[in-house]
């Protein structure tokens, strides 16, 4: 996975509440176990006209004035079913961070497991960010993973982040990568344990 240390980027506003995982990636596209390609169908039913399959010019991801690696969404993002494909589609599209004032727990876990950082902010700060980037798409948000801060327009808030997931994000580790990184320490522990066992057996 990619390393996330400091993310400084413009952002895409999606000020809708209760965005569920079926809206993030509709169920009819869950036919692959390969993580690649899901970004093509991110928010499919909002990005494209269902009947003509043409891009919907009114949807924010089709608006050329908005871009960036940060998605700023309304309250209660990622509710609904537990599909991990929702996180896959967001990262495959190019998002590194999602900002909201509340996340469904399963989505939050899936996001962190796939190198996507869900940053939870206060409702007031979320409103300030949404208004700011909607009015001026050139404005940037800075997310500092190590210090667990998010900054916008000279306002900074701290966000919570599990210490283990923090290590994984900053090093680009998934769970297996993390274990491999401890390979030498594990070997040393095994040797030490073996020596202690041998001494007790004498």
C-alpha atoms as a PDB file:
ATOM      1  CA  UNK A   1       0.000   0.000   0.000  1.00  0.00           C
ATOM      2  CA  UNK A   2       1.041   3.613  -0.434  1.00  0.00           C
ATOM      3  CA  UNK A   3       2.564   5.469   2.499  1.00  0.00           C
ATOM      4  CA  UNK A   4       0.400   8.171   4.085  1.00  0.00           C
ATOM      5  CA  UNK A   5       2.381  10.658   6.137  1.00  0.00           C
ATOM      6  CA  UNK A   6       1.364  14.173   5.119  1.00  0.00           C
ATOM      7  CA  UNK A   7      -1.371  14.645   2.550  1.00  0.00           C
ATOM      8  CA  UNK A   8      -1.744  18.183   1.219  1.00  0.00           C
ATOM      9  CA  UNK A   9      -4.326  18.401  -1.511  1.00  0.00           C
ATOM     10  CA  UNK A  10      -7.324  20.111  -2.966  1.00  0.00           C
ATOM     11  CA  UNK A  11     -10.545  18.334  -2.106  1.00  0.00           C
ATOM     12  CA  UNK A  12     -13.823  17.256  -3.647  1.00  0.00           C
ATOM     13  CA  UNK A  13     -17.001  18.237  -1.750  1.00  0.00           C
ATOM     14  CA  UNK A  14     -19.863  15.754  -1.486  1.00  0.00           C
ATOM     15  CA  UNK A  15     -22.173  17.353   1.107  1.00  0.00           C
ATOM     16  CA  UNK A  16     -24.658  14.497   1.313  1.00  0.00           C
ATOM     17  CA  UNK A  17     -25.492  12.664   4.518  1.00  0.00           C
ATOM     18  CA  UNK A  18     -25.949   8.919   5.023  1.00  0.00           C
ATOM     19  CA  UNK A  19     -24.004   7.866   1.936  1.00  0.00           C
ATOM     20  CA  UNK A  20     -24.124   4.083   2.094  1.00  0.00           C
ATOM     21  CA  UNK A  21     -21.802   1.524   0.563  1.00  0.00           C
ATOM     22  CA  UNK A  22     -24.288   0.649  -2.188  1.00  0.00           C
ATOM     23  CA  UNK A  23     -24.144   4.244  -3.348  1.00  0.00           C
ATOM     24  CA  UNK A  24     -20.348   4.198  -3.135  1.00  0.00           C
ATOM     25  CA  UNK A  25     -20.134   1.018  -5.245  1.00  0.00           C
ATOM     26  CA  UNK A  26     -23.413  -0.565  -6.417  1.00  0.00           C
ATOM     27  CA  UNK A  27     -23.878  -4.269  -5.720  1.00  0.00           C
ATOM     28  CA  UNK A  28     -23.974  -5.257  -9.407  1.00  0.00           C
ATOM     29  CA  UNK A  29     -20.268  -4.447  -9.689  1.00  0.00           C
ATOM     30  CA  UNK A  30     -19.128  -6.746  -6.887  1.00  0.00           C
ATOM     31  CA  UNK A  31     -18.088  -9.554  -9.201  1.00  0.00           C
ATOM     32  CA  UNK A  32     -14.333  -9.369  -8.792  1.00  0.00           C
ATOM     33  CA  UNK A  33     -11.924 -10.090  -5.949  1.00  0.00           C
ATOM     34  CA  UNK A  34      -9.224  -8.006  -7.656  1.00  0.00           C
ATOM     35  CA  UNK A  35      -9.029  -4.571  -6.072  1.00  0.00           C
ATOM     36  CA  UNK A  36      -8.177  -2.874  -9.363  1.00  0.00           C
ATOM     37  CA  UNK A  37     -10.811  -1.300 -11.588  1.00  0.00           C
ATOM     38  CA  UNK A  38     -13.403  -0.497  -8.958  1.00  0.00           C
ATOM     39  CA  UNK A  39     -12.701   3.231  -9.250  1.00  0.00           C
ATOM     40  CA  UNK A  40     -14.390   3.213 -12.655  1.00  0.00           C
ATOM     41  CA  UNK A  41     -17.694   2.507 -10.941  1.00  0.00           C
ATOM     42  CA  UNK A  42     -17.305   4.684  -7.854  1.00  0.00           C
ATOM     43  CA  UNK A  43     -20.666   6.426  -7.252  1.00  0.00           C
ATOM     44  CA  UNK A  44     -21.726   4.883 -10.572  1.00  0.00           C
ATOM     45  CA  UNK A  45     -25.437   5.681 -10.309  1.00  0.00           C
ATOM     46  CA  UNK A  46     -24.665   9.315  -9.488  1.00  0.00           C
ATOM     47  CA  UNK A  47     -21.817   9.789 -11.964  1.00  0.00           C
ATOM     48  CA  UNK A  48     -23.680   8.367 -14.959  1.00  0.00           C
ATOM     49  CA  UNK A  49     -27.181   8.532 -16.340  1.00  0.00           C
ATOM     50  CA  UNK A  50     -28.734   5.116 -15.722  1.00  0.00           C
ATOM     51  CA  UNK A  51     -30.525   5.080 -19.086  1.00  0.00           C
ATOM     52  CA  UNK A  52     -27.949   6.621 -21.441  1.00  0.00           C
ATOM     53  CA  UNK A  53     -24.752   5.708 -19.544  1.00  0.00           C
ATOM     54  CA  UNK A  54     -23.543   9.255 -20.208  1.00  0.00           C
ATOM     55  CA  UNK A  55     -21.686  11.215 -17.472  1.00  0.00           C
ATOM     56  CA  UNK A  56     -23.976  13.293 -15.287  1.00  0.00           C
ATOM     57  CA  UNK A  57     -22.666  16.870 -15.588  1.00  0.00           C
ATOM     58  CA  UNK A  58     -24.309  17.832 -12.300  1.00  0.00           C
ATOM     59  CA  UNK A  59     -22.342  15.319 -10.211  1.00  0.00           C
ATOM     60  CA  UNK A  60     -19.265  16.697  -8.511  1.00  0.00           C
ATOM     61  CA  UNK A  61     -16.821  14.019  -9.744  1.00  0.00           C
ATOM     62  CA  UNK A  62     -17.660  15.086 -13.299  1.00  0.00           C
ATOM     63  CA  UNK A  63     -17.033  18.750 -12.544  1.00  0.00           C
ATOM     64  CA  UNK A  64     -13.542  19.662 -13.845  1.00  0.00           C
ATOM     65  CA  UNK A  65     -13.118  22.499 -11.359  1.00  0.00           C
ATOM     66  CA  UNK A  66     -12.888  19.999  -8.480  1.00  0.00           C
ATOM     67  CA  UNK A  67      -9.975  17.612  -8.040  1.00  0.00           C
ATOM     68  CA  UNK A  68      -7.738  16.181  -5.341  1.00  0.00           C
ATOM     69  CA  UNK A  69      -6.918  13.183  -3.187  1.00  0.00           C
ATOM     70  CA  UNK A  70      -9.350  14.115  -0.402  1.00  0.00           C
ATOM     71  CA  UNK A  71     -13.101  13.524  -0.423  1.00  0.00           C
ATOM     72  CA  UNK A  72     -15.138  15.642   2.001  1.00  0.00           C
ATOM     73  CA  UNK A  73     -18.531  14.070   2.624  1.00  0.00           C
ATOM     74  CA  UNK A  74     -21.546  14.696   4.833  1.00  0.00           C
ATOM     75  CA  UNK A  75     -22.313  13.013   8.137  1.00  0.00           C
ATOM     76  CA  UNK A  76     -22.572   9.199   8.469  1.00  0.00           C
ATOM     77  CA  UNK A  77     -20.398   8.154   5.547  1.00  0.00           C
ATOM     78  CA  UNK A  78     -20.106   4.472   4.637  1.00  0.00           C
ATOM     79  CA  UNK A  79     -23.245   3.176   6.340  1.00  0.00           C
ATOM     80  CA  UNK A  80     -25.163   0.158   5.036  1.00  0.00           C
ATOM     81  CA  UNK A  81     -23.619  -3.164   4.063  1.00  0.00           C
ATOM     82  CA  UNK A  82     -20.111  -4.177   5.059  1.00  0.00           C
ATOM     83  CA  UNK A  83     -18.644  -4.558   1.556  1.00  0.00           C
ATOM     84  CA  UNK A  84     -14.906  -3.937   1.469  1.00  0.00           C
ATOM     85  CA  UNK A  85     -15.262  -2.966  -2.187  1.00  0.00           C
ATOM     86  CA  UNK A  86     -16.386   0.507  -1.058  1.00  0.00           C
ATOM     87  CA  UNK A  87     -12.897   1.227   0.235  1.00  0.00           C
ATOM     88  CA  UNK A  88     -11.357  -0.393  -2.856  1.00  0.00           C
ATOM     89  CA  UNK A  89     -13.322   1.860  -5.189  1.00  0.00           C
ATOM     90  CA  UNK A  90     -12.345   5.021  -3.326  1.00  0.00           C
ATOM     91  CA  UNK A  91      -8.633   4.194  -3.289  1.00  0.00           C
ATOM     92  CA  UNK A  92      -8.679   2.963  -6.883  1.00  0.00           C
ATOM     93  CA  UNK A  93     -10.213   6.283  -7.939  1.00  0.00           C
ATOM     94  CA  UNK A  94      -7.314   8.061  -6.261  1.00  0.00           C
ATOM     95  CA  UNK A  95      -8.598   9.140  -2.859  1.00  0.00           C
ATOM     96  CA  UNK A  96      -6.221   8.887   0.088  1.00  0.00           C
ATOM     97  CA  UNK A  97      -8.419  10.579   2.703  1.00  0.00           C
ATOM     98  CA  UNK A  98     -12.139  10.861   3.406  1.00  0.00           C
ATOM     99  CA  UNK A  99     -13.323  13.594   5.771  1.00  0.00           C
ATOM    100  CA  UNK A 100     -16.671  13.341   7.569  1.00  0.00           C
ATOM    101  CA  UNK A 101     -18.181  13.914  11.004  1.00  0.00           C
ATOM    102  CA  UNK A 102     -19.173  10.254  11.449  1.00  0.00           C
ATOM    103  CA  UNK A 103     -18.372   6.863   9.889  1.00  0.00           C
ATOM    104  CA  UNK A 104     -19.934   3.450  10.064  1.00  0.00           C
ATOM    105  CA  UNK A 105     -17.535   1.276  12.085  1.00  0.00           C
ATOM    106  CA  UNK A 106     -17.198  -1.477   9.475  1.00  0.00           C
ATOM    107  CA  UNK A 107     -16.464   0.999   6.695  1.00  0.00           C
ATOM    108  CA  UNK A 108     -13.892   2.715   8.885  1.00  0.00           C
ATOM    109  CA  UNK A 109     -12.130  -0.590   9.520  1.00  0.00           C
ATOM    110  CA  UNK A 110     -12.219  -1.551   5.837  1.00  0.00           C
ATOM    111  CA  UNK A 111     -10.826   1.850   4.871  1.00  0.00           C
ATOM    112  CA  UNK A 112      -7.892   1.627   7.269  1.00  0.00           C
ATOM    113  CA  UNK A 113      -7.149  -1.929   6.157  1.00  0.00           C
ATOM    114  CA  UNK A 114      -6.859  -0.701   2.567  1.00  0.00           C
ATOM    115  CA  UNK A 115      -4.749   2.419   3.011  1.00  0.00           C
ATOM    116  CA  UNK A 116      -7.621   4.913   3.052  1.00  0.00           C
ATOM    117  CA  UNK A 117      -7.637   7.328   5.998  1.00  0.00           C
ATOM    118  CA  UNK A 118     -11.090   8.239   7.392  1.00  0.00           C
ATOM    119  CA  UNK A 119     -10.675  11.526   9.248  1.00  0.00           C
ATOM    120  CA  UNK A 120     -13.465  12.337  11.689  1.00  0.00           C
ATOM    121  CA  UNK A 121     -13.972  16.048  12.404  1.00  0.00           C
ATOM    122  CA  UNK A 122     -16.535  18.082  14.307  1.00  0.00           C
ATOM    123  CA  UNK A 123     -19.752  18.995  12.506  1.00  0.00           C
ATOM    124  CA  UNK A 124     -18.837  22.681  12.634  1.00  0.00           C
ATOM    125  CA  UNK A 125     -15.416  22.123  11.085  1.00  0.00           C
ATOM    126  CA  UNK A 126     -16.904  19.836   8.435  1.00  0.00           C
ATOM    127  CA  UNK A 127     -19.358  22.558   7.451  1.00  0.00           C
ATOM    128  CA  UNK A 128     -16.527  25.085   7.284  1.00  0.00           C
ATOM    129  CA  UNK A 129     -14.490  22.830   5.004  1.00  0.00           C
ATOM    130  CA  UNK A 130     -17.421  22.000   2.730  1.00  0.00           C
ATOM    131  CA  UNK A 131     -18.364  25.650   2.345  1.00  0.00           C
ATOM    132  CA  UNK A 132     -14.759  26.679   1.792  1.00  0.00           C
ATOM    133  CA  UNK A 133     -13.872  24.190  -0.932  1.00  0.00           C
ATOM    134  CA  UNK A 134     -17.238  24.605  -2.659  1.00  0.00           C
ATOM    135  CA  UNK A 135     -16.680  28.344  -2.951  1.00  0.00           C
ATOM    136  CA  UNK A 136     -12.974  28.051  -3.757  1.00  0.00           C
ATOM    137  CA  UNK A 137     -11.880  24.680  -5.209  1.00  0.00           C
ATOM    138  CA  UNK A 138      -8.237  25.820  -5.174  1.00  0.00           C
ATOM    139  CA  UNK A 139      -8.100  25.710  -1.375  1.00  0.00           C
ATOM    140  CA  UNK A 140      -6.082  22.863   0.084  1.00  0.00           C
ATOM    141  CA  UNK A 141      -6.470  20.638   3.122  1.00  0.00           C
ATOM    142  CA  UNK A 142      -3.440  19.316   5.005  1.00  0.00           C
ATOM    143  CA  UNK A 143      -3.659  16.018   6.875  1.00  0.00           C
ATOM    144  CA  UNK A 144      -0.722  15.124   9.127  1.00  0.00           C
ATOM    145  CA  UNK A 145      -0.943  11.436  10.012  1.00  0.00           C
ATOM    146  CA  UNK A 146       1.933  11.425  12.503  1.00  0.00           C
ATOM    147  CA  UNK A 147       0.505  14.305  14.533  1.00  0.00           C
ATOM    148  CA  UNK A 148      -3.101  13.313  13.785  1.00  0.00           C
ATOM    149  CA  UNK A 149      -4.146  16.774  12.665  1.00  0.00           C
ATOM    150  CA  UNK A 150      -6.199  18.183   9.820  1.00  0.00           C
ATOM    151  CA  UNK A 151      -5.780  21.824   8.820  1.00  0.00           C
ATOM    152  CA  UNK A 152      -7.942  24.017   6.617  1.00  0.00           C
ATOM    153  CA  UNK A 153      -7.941  27.811   6.367  1.00  0.00           C
ATOM    154  CA  UNK A 154      -5.669  28.193   9.427  1.00  0.00           C
ATOM    155  CA  UNK A 155      -8.010  26.048  11.534  1.00  0.00           C
ATOM    156  CA  UNK A 156      -6.668  22.764  12.887  1.00  0.00           C
ATOM    157  CA  UNK A 157      -8.396  19.848  14.577  1.00  0.00           C
ATOM    158  CA  UNK A 158      -7.010  16.616  15.961  1.00  0.00           C
ATOM    159  CA  UNK A 159      -8.470  13.302  14.891  1.00  0.00           C
ATOM    160  CA  UNK A 160      -8.367   9.864  16.500  1.00  0.00           C
ATOM    161  CA  UNK A 161      -6.322   7.080  14.940  1.00  0.00           C
ATOM    162  CA  UNK A 162      -5.522   3.616  16.271  1.00  0.00           C
ATOM    163  CA  UNK A 163      -1.783   3.416  17.005  1.00  0.00           C
ATOM    164  CA  UNK A 164      -1.333   0.156  15.065  1.00  0.00           C
ATOM    165  CA  UNK A 165      -3.176   1.479  12.017  1.00  0.00           C
ATOM    166  CA  UNK A 166      -1.122   4.653  12.237  1.00  0.00           C
ATOM    167  CA  UNK A 167       2.095   2.633  11.928  1.00  0.00           C
ATOM    168  CA  UNK A 168       0.634   0.729   8.982  1.00  0.00           C
ATOM    169  CA  UNK A 169      -0.513   3.871   7.146  1.00  0.00           C
ATOM    170  CA  UNK A 170       2.772   5.714   7.619  1.00  0.00           C
ATOM    171  CA  UNK A 171       4.777   2.739   6.347  1.00  0.00           C
ATOM    172  CA  UNK A 172       2.395   1.550   3.652  1.00  0.00           C
ATOM    173  CA  UNK A 173       1.824  -1.756   5.442  1.00  0.00           C
ATOM    174  CA  UNK A 174      -1.107  -4.108   5.329  1.00  0.00           C
ATOM    175  CA  UNK A 175      -1.328  -6.681   8.147  1.00  0.00           C
ATOM    176  CA  UNK A 176       0.995  -9.115   6.385  1.00  0.00           C
ATOM    177  CA  UNK A 177       3.541  -6.395   5.581  1.00  0.00           C
ATOM    178  CA  UNK A 178       3.560  -5.441   9.255  1.00  0.00           C
ATOM    179  CA  UNK A 179       4.323  -9.022  10.298  1.00  0.00           C
ATOM    180  CA  UNK A 180       7.103  -9.263   7.703  1.00  0.00           C
ATOM    181  CA  UNK A 181       8.602  -6.043   9.084  1.00  0.00           C
ATOM    182  CA  UNK A 182       8.894  -7.823  12.448  1.00  0.00           C
ATOM    183  CA  UNK A 183      10.535 -10.911  10.956  1.00  0.00           C
ATOM    184  CA  UNK A 184      13.951 -10.298  12.520  1.00  0.00           C
ATOM    185  CA  UNK A 185      12.455  -9.511  15.932  1.00  0.00           C
ATOM    186  CA  UNK A 186      10.393 -12.710  15.733  1.00  0.00           C
ATOM    187  CA  UNK A 187      13.493 -14.756  14.890  1.00  0.00           C
ATOM    188  CA  UNK A 188      15.398 -13.247  17.806  1.00  0.00           C
ATOM    189  CA  UNK A 189      12.503 -13.986  20.154  1.00  0.00           C
ATOM    190  CA  UNK A 190      12.329 -17.592  18.937  1.00  0.00           C
ATOM    191  CA  UNK A 191      16.081 -18.078  19.488  1.00  0.00           C
ATOM    192  CA  UNK A 192      15.868 -16.539  22.935  1.00  0.00           C
ATOM    193  CA  UNK A 193      12.896 -18.710  23.867  1.00  0.00           C
ATOM    194  CA  UNK A 194      14.643 -21.809  22.538  1.00  0.00           C
ATOM    195  CA  UNK A 195      17.759 -21.108  24.603  1.00  0.00           C
ATOM    196  CA  UNK A 196      15.692 -20.632  27.762  1.00  0.00           C
ATOM    197  CA  UNK A 197      13.880 -23.919  27.072  1.00  0.00           C
ATOM    198  CA  UNK A 198      17.169 -25.752  26.485  1.00  0.00           C
ATOM    199  CA  UNK A 199      18.644 -24.421  29.719  1.00  0.00           C
ATOM    200  CA  UNK A 200      15.621 -25.564  31.678  1.00  0.00           C
ATOM    201  CA  UNK A 201      15.870 -29.003  30.081  1.00  0.00           C
ATOM    202  CA  UNK A 202      19.459 -29.523  31.249  1.00  0.00           C
END
